[in-house]
Amino acid sequence: MTDTTALFIALFFGSAGLGYLVYGRRQEKKVFFYTGIALMLFPYVINATLPMLAVGAGLLLLPKFLP
């Protein structure tokens, strides 16, 4: 049986990643572009709910702290 919580978390971070990807491509900001790719791909590697939340939140905040 699949965990629907992890599925919805993956959907949220994937859609946020798509937004980061499009923003980074249009504004030519590489940090947002590559963070968007990472946000869309990491749910395939991490399946547990809490680690997925931790990594996703860290990736969402990453462009704020990198130049």
PDB file of N, CA and C in Angstrom:
ATOM      1  N   MET A   1       0.842  -1.177   0.000  1.00  0.00           N
ATOM      2  CA  MET A   1       0.000   0.000   0.000  1.00  0.00           C
ATOM      3  C   MET A   1       0.889   1.242   0.000  1.00  0.00           C
ATOM      4  N   THR A   2       0.570   2.182  -0.827  1.00  0.00           N
ATOM      5  CA  THR A   2       1.385   3.389  -0.925  1.00  0.00           C
ATOM      6  C   THR A   2       0.916   4.422   0.093  1.00  0.00           C
ATOM      7  N   ASP A   3       1.845   5.247   0.491  1.00  0.00           N
ATOM      8  CA  ASP A   3       1.548   6.318   1.437  1.00  0.00           C
ATOM      9  C   ASP A   3       1.124   7.554   0.650  1.00  0.00           C
ATOM     10  N   THR A   4      -0.111   7.959   0.791  1.00  0.00           N
ATOM     11  CA  THR A   4      -0.596   9.098   0.010  1.00  0.00           C
ATOM     12  C   THR A   4      -0.002  10.419   0.487  1.00  0.00           C
ATOM     13  N   THR A   5       0.437  10.478   1.743  1.00  0.00           N
ATOM     14  CA  THR A   5       1.069  11.706   2.233  1.00  0.00           C
ATOM     15  C   THR A   5       2.348  11.985   1.463  1.00  0.00           C
ATOM     16  N   ALA A   6       3.162  10.957   1.276  1.00  0.00           N
ATOM     17  CA  ALA A   6       4.404  11.124   0.518  1.00  0.00           C
ATOM     18  C   ALA A   6       4.109  11.493  -0.931  1.00  0.00           C
ATOM     19  N   LEU A   7       3.037  10.966  -1.471  1.00  0.00           N
ATOM     20  CA  LEU A   7       2.658  11.288  -2.848  1.00  0.00           C
ATOM     21  C   LEU A   7       2.286  12.766  -2.989  1.00  0.00           C
ATOM     22  N   PHE A   8       1.513  13.289  -2.050  1.00  0.00           N
ATOM     23  CA  PHE A   8       1.132  14.704  -2.117  1.00  0.00           C
ATOM     24  C   PHE A   8       2.312  15.628  -1.830  1.00  0.00           C
ATOM     25  N   ILE A   9       3.204  15.220  -0.944  1.00  0.00           N
ATOM     26  CA  ILE A   9       4.410  16.016  -0.690  1.00  0.00           C
ATOM     27  C   ILE A   9       5.272  16.059  -1.943  1.00  0.00           C
ATOM     28  N   ALA A  10       5.417  14.921  -2.607  1.00  0.00           N
ATOM     29  CA  ALA A  10       6.196  14.871  -3.850  1.00  0.00           C
ATOM     30  C   ALA A  10       5.543  15.737  -4.926  1.00  0.00           C
ATOM     31  N   LEU A  11       4.222  15.736  -4.983  1.00  0.00           N
ATOM     32  CA  LEU A  11       3.513  16.575  -5.948  1.00  0.00           C
ATOM     33  C   LEU A  11       3.747  18.054  -5.654  1.00  0.00           C
ATOM     34  N   PHE A  12       3.714  18.440  -4.387  1.00  0.00           N
ATOM     35  CA  PHE A  12       3.946  19.831  -4.007  1.00  0.00           C
ATOM     36  C   PHE A  12       5.348  20.285  -4.385  1.00  0.00           C
ATOM     37  N   PHE A  13       6.358  19.488  -4.003  1.00  0.00           N
ATOM     38  CA  PHE A  13       7.733  19.887  -4.294  1.00  0.00           C
ATOM     39  C   PHE A  13       8.038  19.813  -5.789  1.00  0.00           C
ATOM     40  N   GLY A  14       7.408  18.897  -6.492  1.00  0.00           N
ATOM     41  CA  GLY A  14       7.596  18.841  -7.940  1.00  0.00           C
ATOM     42  C   GLY A  14       7.032  20.058  -8.639  1.00  0.00           C
ATOM     43  N   SER A  15       5.861  20.510  -8.208  1.00  0.00           N
ATOM     44  CA  SER A  15       5.276  21.698  -8.827  1.00  0.00           C
ATOM     45  C   SER A  15       6.050  22.960  -8.434  1.00  0.00           C
ATOM     46  N   ALA A  16       6.537  23.023  -7.201  1.00  0.00           N
ATOM     47  CA  ALA A  16       7.389  24.156  -6.814  1.00  0.00           C
ATOM     48  C   ALA A  16       8.687  24.130  -7.619  1.00  0.00           C
ATOM     49  N   GLY A  17       9.203  22.938  -7.877  1.00  0.00           N
ATOM     50  CA  GLY A  17      10.409  22.802  -8.693  1.00  0.00           C
ATOM     51  C   GLY A  17      10.187  23.275 -10.114  1.00  0.00           C
ATOM     52  N   LEU A  18       9.015  22.989 -10.663  1.00  0.00           N
ATOM     53  CA  LEU A  18       8.706  23.471 -12.005  1.00  0.00           C
ATOM     54  C   LEU A  18       8.661  25.000 -12.021  1.00  0.00           C
ATOM     55  N   GLY A  19       8.099  25.593 -10.987  1.00  0.00           N
ATOM     56  CA  GLY A  19       8.078  27.054 -10.891  1.00  0.00           C
ATOM     57  C   GLY A  19       9.478  27.636 -10.790  1.00  0.00           C
ATOM     58  N   TYR A  20      10.331  27.013  -9.982  1.00  0.00           N
ATOM     59  CA  TYR A  20      11.715  27.470  -9.867  1.00  0.00           C
ATOM     60  C   TYR A  20      12.442  27.319 -11.201  1.00  0.00           C
ATOM     61  N   LEU A  21      12.191  26.224 -11.897  1.00  0.00           N
ATOM     62  CA  LEU A  21      12.851  25.973 -13.174  1.00  0.00           C
ATOM     63  C   LEU A  21      12.474  27.027 -14.205  1.00  0.00           C
ATOM     64  N   VAL A  22      11.193  27.315 -14.321  1.00  0.00           N
ATOM     65  CA  VAL A  22      10.732  28.311 -15.294  1.00  0.00           C
ATOM     66  C   VAL A  22      11.243  29.701 -14.925  1.00  0.00           C
ATOM     67  N   TYR A  23      11.186  30.040 -13.645  1.00  0.00           N
ATOM     68  CA  TYR A  23      11.690  31.342 -13.202  1.00  0.00           C
ATOM     69  C   TYR A  23      13.184  31.463 -13.476  1.00  0.00           C
ATOM     70  N   GLY A  24      13.931  30.428 -13.146  1.00  0.00           N
ATOM     71  CA  GLY A  24      15.375  30.466 -13.365  1.00  0.00           C
ATOM     72  C   GLY A  24      15.747  30.554 -14.831  1.00  0.00           C
ATOM     73  N   ARG A  25      14.971  29.897 -15.686  1.00  0.00           N
ATOM     74  CA  ARG A  25      15.272  29.951 -17.116  1.00  0.00           C
ATOM     75  C   ARG A  25      14.948  31.321 -17.689  1.00  0.00           C
ATOM     76  N   ARG A  26      13.818  31.896 -17.298  1.00  0.00           N
ATOM     77  CA  ARG A  26      13.423  33.193 -17.861  1.00  0.00           C
ATOM     78  C   ARG A  26      14.271  34.340 -17.329  1.00  0.00           C
ATOM     79  N   GLN A  27      14.652  34.280 -16.058  1.00  0.00           N
ATOM     80  CA  GLN A  27      15.442  35.354 -15.460  1.00  0.00           C
ATOM     81  C   GLN A  27      16.936  35.093 -15.576  1.00  0.00           C
ATOM     82  N   GLU A  28      17.306  33.955 -16.147  1.00  0.00           N
ATOM     83  CA  GLU A  28      18.707  33.537 -16.301  1.00  0.00           C
ATOM     84  C   GLU A  28      19.422  33.475 -14.953  1.00  0.00           C
ATOM     85  N   LYS A  29      18.764  32.873 -13.972  1.00  0.00           N
ATOM     86  CA  LYS A  29      19.333  32.668 -12.645  1.00  0.00           C
ATOM     87  C   LYS A  29      19.576  31.173 -12.479  1.00  0.00           C
ATOM     88  N   LYS A  30      20.846  30.786 -12.538  1.00  0.00           N
ATOM     89  CA  LYS A  30      21.199  29.371 -12.533  1.00  0.00           C
ATOM     90  C   LYS A  30      20.872  28.668 -11.227  1.00  0.00           C
ATOM     91  N   VAL A  31      20.935  29.380 -10.106  1.00  0.00           N
ATOM     92  CA  VAL A  31      20.642  28.748  -8.820  1.00  0.00           C
ATOM     93  C   VAL A  31      19.182  28.284  -8.788  1.00  0.00           C
ATOM     94  N   PHE A  32      18.267  29.111  -9.238  1.00  0.00           N
ATOM     95  CA  PHE A  32      16.864  28.728  -9.274  1.00  0.00           C
ATOM     96  C   PHE A  32      16.627  27.605 -10.285  1.00  0.00           C
ATOM     97  N   PHE A  33      17.302  27.664 -11.413  1.00  0.00           N
ATOM     98  CA  PHE A  33      17.141  26.649 -12.449  1.00  0.00           C
ATOM     99  C   PHE A  33      17.545  25.271 -11.935  1.00  0.00           C
ATOM    100  N   TYR A  34      18.731  25.165 -11.364  1.00  0.00           N
ATOM    101  CA  TYR A  34      19.211  23.867 -10.889  1.00  0.00           C
ATOM    102  C   TYR A  34      18.490  23.410  -9.616  1.00  0.00           C
ATOM    103  N   THR A  35      18.058  24.346  -8.794  1.00  0.00           N
ATOM    104  CA  THR A  35      17.258  23.968  -7.632  1.00  0.00           C
ATOM    105  C   THR A  35      15.910  23.417  -8.078  1.00  0.00           C
ATOM    106  N   GLY A  36      15.334  23.978  -9.124  1.00  0.00           N
ATOM    107  CA  GLY A  36      14.083  23.470  -9.669  1.00  0.00           C
ATOM    108  C   GLY A  36      14.225  22.043 -10.181  1.00  0.00           C
ATOM    109  N   ILE A  37      15.328  21.766 -10.847  1.00  0.00           N
ATOM    110  CA  ILE A  37      15.579  20.400 -11.313  1.00  0.00           C
ATOM    111  C   ILE A  37      15.710  19.460 -10.122  1.00  0.00           C
ATOM    112  N   ALA A  38      16.448  19.888  -9.102  1.00  0.00           N
ATOM    113  CA  ALA A  38      16.620  19.050  -7.908  1.00  0.00           C
ATOM    114  C   ALA A  38      15.299  18.814  -7.194  1.00  0.00           C
ATOM    115  N   LEU A  39      14.451  19.843  -7.114  1.00  0.00           N
ATOM    116  CA  LEU A  39      13.153  19.692  -6.460  1.00  0.00           C
ATOM    117  C   LEU A  39      12.240  18.722  -7.212  1.00  0.00           C
ATOM    118  N   MET A  40      12.373  18.667  -8.511  1.00  0.00           N
ATOM    119  CA  MET A  40      11.539  17.745  -9.268  1.00  0.00           C
ATOM    120  C   MET A  40      12.062  16.310  -9.211  1.00  0.00           C
ATOM    121  N   LEU A  41      13.352  16.122  -9.000  1.00  0.00           N
ATOM    122  CA  LEU A  41      13.928  14.779  -9.068  1.00  0.00           C
ATOM    123  C   LEU A  41      14.126  14.095  -7.717  1.00  0.00           C
ATOM    124  N   PHE A  42      14.301  14.841  -6.633  1.00  0.00           N
ATOM    125  CA  PHE A  42      14.624  14.193  -5.370  1.00  0.00           C
ATOM    126  C   PHE A  42      13.521  13.302  -4.810  1.00  0.00           C
ATOM    127  N   PRO A  43      12.223  13.532  -5.083  1.00  0.00           N
ATOM    128  CA  PRO A  43      11.218  12.586  -4.556  1.00  0.00           C
ATOM    129  C   PRO A  43      11.340  11.174  -5.121  1.00  0.00           C
ATOM    130  N   TYR A  44      12.019  11.004  -6.245  1.00  0.00           N
ATOM    131  CA  TYR A  44      12.245   9.661  -6.776  1.00  0.00           C
ATOM    132  C   TYR A  44      13.265   8.899  -5.943  1.00  0.00           C
ATOM    133  N   VAL A  45      14.124   9.611  -5.232  1.00  0.00           N
ATOM    134  CA  VAL A  45      15.181   8.981  -4.447  1.00  0.00           C
ATOM    135  C   VAL A  45      14.748   8.783  -2.998  1.00  0.00           C
ATOM    136  N   ILE A  46      14.054   9.759  -2.445  1.00  0.00           N
ATOM    137  CA  ILE A  46      13.646   9.710  -1.039  1.00  0.00           C
ATOM    138  C   ILE A  46      12.150   9.394  -0.990  1.00  0.00           C
ATOM    139  N   ASN A  47      11.797   8.302  -0.308  1.00  0.00           N
ATOM    140  CA  ASN A  47      10.396   7.889  -0.262  1.00  0.00           C
ATOM    141  C   ASN A  47       9.731   8.126   1.082  1.00  0.00           C
ATOM    142  N   ALA A  48      10.501   8.290   2.147  1.00  0.00           N
ATOM    143  CA  ALA A  48       9.934   8.498   3.485  1.00  0.00           C
ATOM    144  C   ALA A  48       9.429   9.937   3.617  1.00  0.00           C
ATOM    145  N   THR A  49       8.417  10.113   4.434  1.00  0.00           N
ATOM    146  CA  THR A  49       7.738  11.402   4.533  1.00  0.00           C
ATOM    147  C   THR A  49       8.598  12.487   5.187  1.00  0.00           C
ATOM    148  N   LEU A  50       9.117  12.217   6.370  1.00  0.00           N
ATOM    149  CA  LEU A  50       9.879  13.257   7.084  1.00  0.00           C
ATOM    150  C   LEU A  50      11.182  13.633   6.381  1.00  0.00           C
ATOM    151  N   PRO A  51      11.979  12.679   5.901  1.00  0.00           N
ATOM    152  CA  PRO A  51      13.166  13.104   5.147  1.00  0.00           C
ATOM    153  C   PRO A  51      12.816  13.876   3.876  1.00  0.00           C
ATOM    154  N   MET A  52      11.704  13.521   3.250  1.00  0.00           N
ATOM    155  CA  MET A  52      11.291  14.243   2.054  1.00  0.00           C
ATOM    156  C   MET A  52      10.931  15.691   2.389  1.00  0.00           C
ATOM    157  N   LEU A  53      10.257  15.891   3.510  1.00  0.00           N
ATOM    158  CA  LEU A  53       9.939  17.255   3.946  1.00  0.00           C
ATOM    159  C   LEU A  53      11.198  18.046   4.273  1.00  0.00           C
ATOM    160  N   ALA A  54      12.148  17.412   4.951  1.00  0.00           N
ATOM    161  CA  ALA A  54      13.377  18.106   5.343  1.00  0.00           C
ATOM    162  C   ALA A  54      14.205  18.508   4.124  1.00  0.00           C
ATOM    163  N   VAL A  55      14.403  17.586   3.201  1.00  0.00           N
ATOM    164  CA  VAL A  55      15.202  17.883   2.006  1.00  0.00           C
ATOM    165  C   VAL A  55      14.484  18.906   1.133  1.00  0.00           C
ATOM    166  N   GLY A  56      13.183  18.754   0.977  1.00  0.00           N
ATOM    167  CA  GLY A  56      12.419  19.695   0.161  1.00  0.00           C
ATOM    168  C   GLY A  56      12.434  21.101   0.723  1.00  0.00           C
ATOM    169  N   ALA A  57      12.269  21.220   2.035  1.00  0.00           N
ATOM    170  CA  ALA A  57      12.320  22.551   2.657  1.00  0.00           C
ATOM    171  C   ALA A  57      13.707  23.163   2.514  1.00  0.00           C
ATOM    172  N   GLY A  58      14.726  22.345   2.656  1.00  0.00           N
ATOM    173  CA  GLY A  58      16.091  22.842   2.476  1.00  0.00           C
ATOM    174  C   GLY A  58      16.336  23.320   1.058  1.00  0.00           C
ATOM    175  N   LEU A  59      15.833  22.571   0.088  1.00  0.00           N
ATOM    176  CA  LEU A  59      16.003  22.987  -1.306  1.00  0.00           C
ATOM    177  C   LEU A  59      15.182  24.229  -1.640  1.00  0.00           C
ATOM    178  N   LEU A  60      14.019  24.376  -1.029  1.00  0.00           N
ATOM    179  CA  LEU A  60      13.242  25.585  -1.277  1.00  0.00           C
ATOM    180  C   LEU A  60      13.942  26.826  -0.751  1.00  0.00           C
ATOM    181  N   LEU A  61      14.651  26.686   0.345  1.00  0.00           N
ATOM    182  CA  LEU A  61      15.351  27.832   0.946  1.00  0.00           C
ATOM    183  C   LEU A  61      16.745  28.055   0.373  1.00  0.00           C
ATOM    184  N   LEU A  62      17.257  27.098  -0.374  1.00  0.00           N
ATOM    185  CA  LEU A  62      18.621  27.189  -0.893  1.00  0.00           C
ATOM    186  C   LEU A  62      18.902  28.449  -1.716  1.00  0.00           C
ATOM    187  N   PRO A  63      18.039  28.839  -2.664  1.00  0.00           N
ATOM    188  CA  PRO A  63      18.361  30.054  -3.457  1.00  0.00           C
ATOM    189  C   PRO A  63      18.425  31.329  -2.624  1.00  0.00           C
ATOM    190  N   LYS A  64      17.790  31.339  -1.457  1.00  0.00           N
ATOM    191  CA  LYS A  64      17.849  32.534  -0.619  1.00  0.00           C
ATOM    192  C   LYS A  64      19.247  32.743  -0.043  1.00  0.00           C
ATOM    193  N   PHE A  65      19.966  31.643   0.201  1.00  0.00           N
ATOM    194  CA  PHE A  65      21.265  31.733   0.846  1.00  0.00           C
ATOM    195  C   PHE A  65      22.444  31.661  -0.134  1.00  0.00           C
ATOM    196  N   LEU A  66      22.208  31.268  -1.363  1.00  0.00           N
ATOM    197  CA  LEU A  66      23.264  31.243  -2.367  1.00  0.00           C
ATOM    198  C   LEU A  66      23.157  32.476  -3.248  1.00  0.00           C
ATOM    199  N   PRO A  67      24.286  32.963  -3.755  1.00  0.00           N
ATOM    200  CA  PRO A  67      24.231  34.167  -4.608  1.00  0.00           C
ATOM    201  C   PRO A  67      23.604  33.903  -5.949  1.00  0.00           C
TER     202      PRO A  67
END
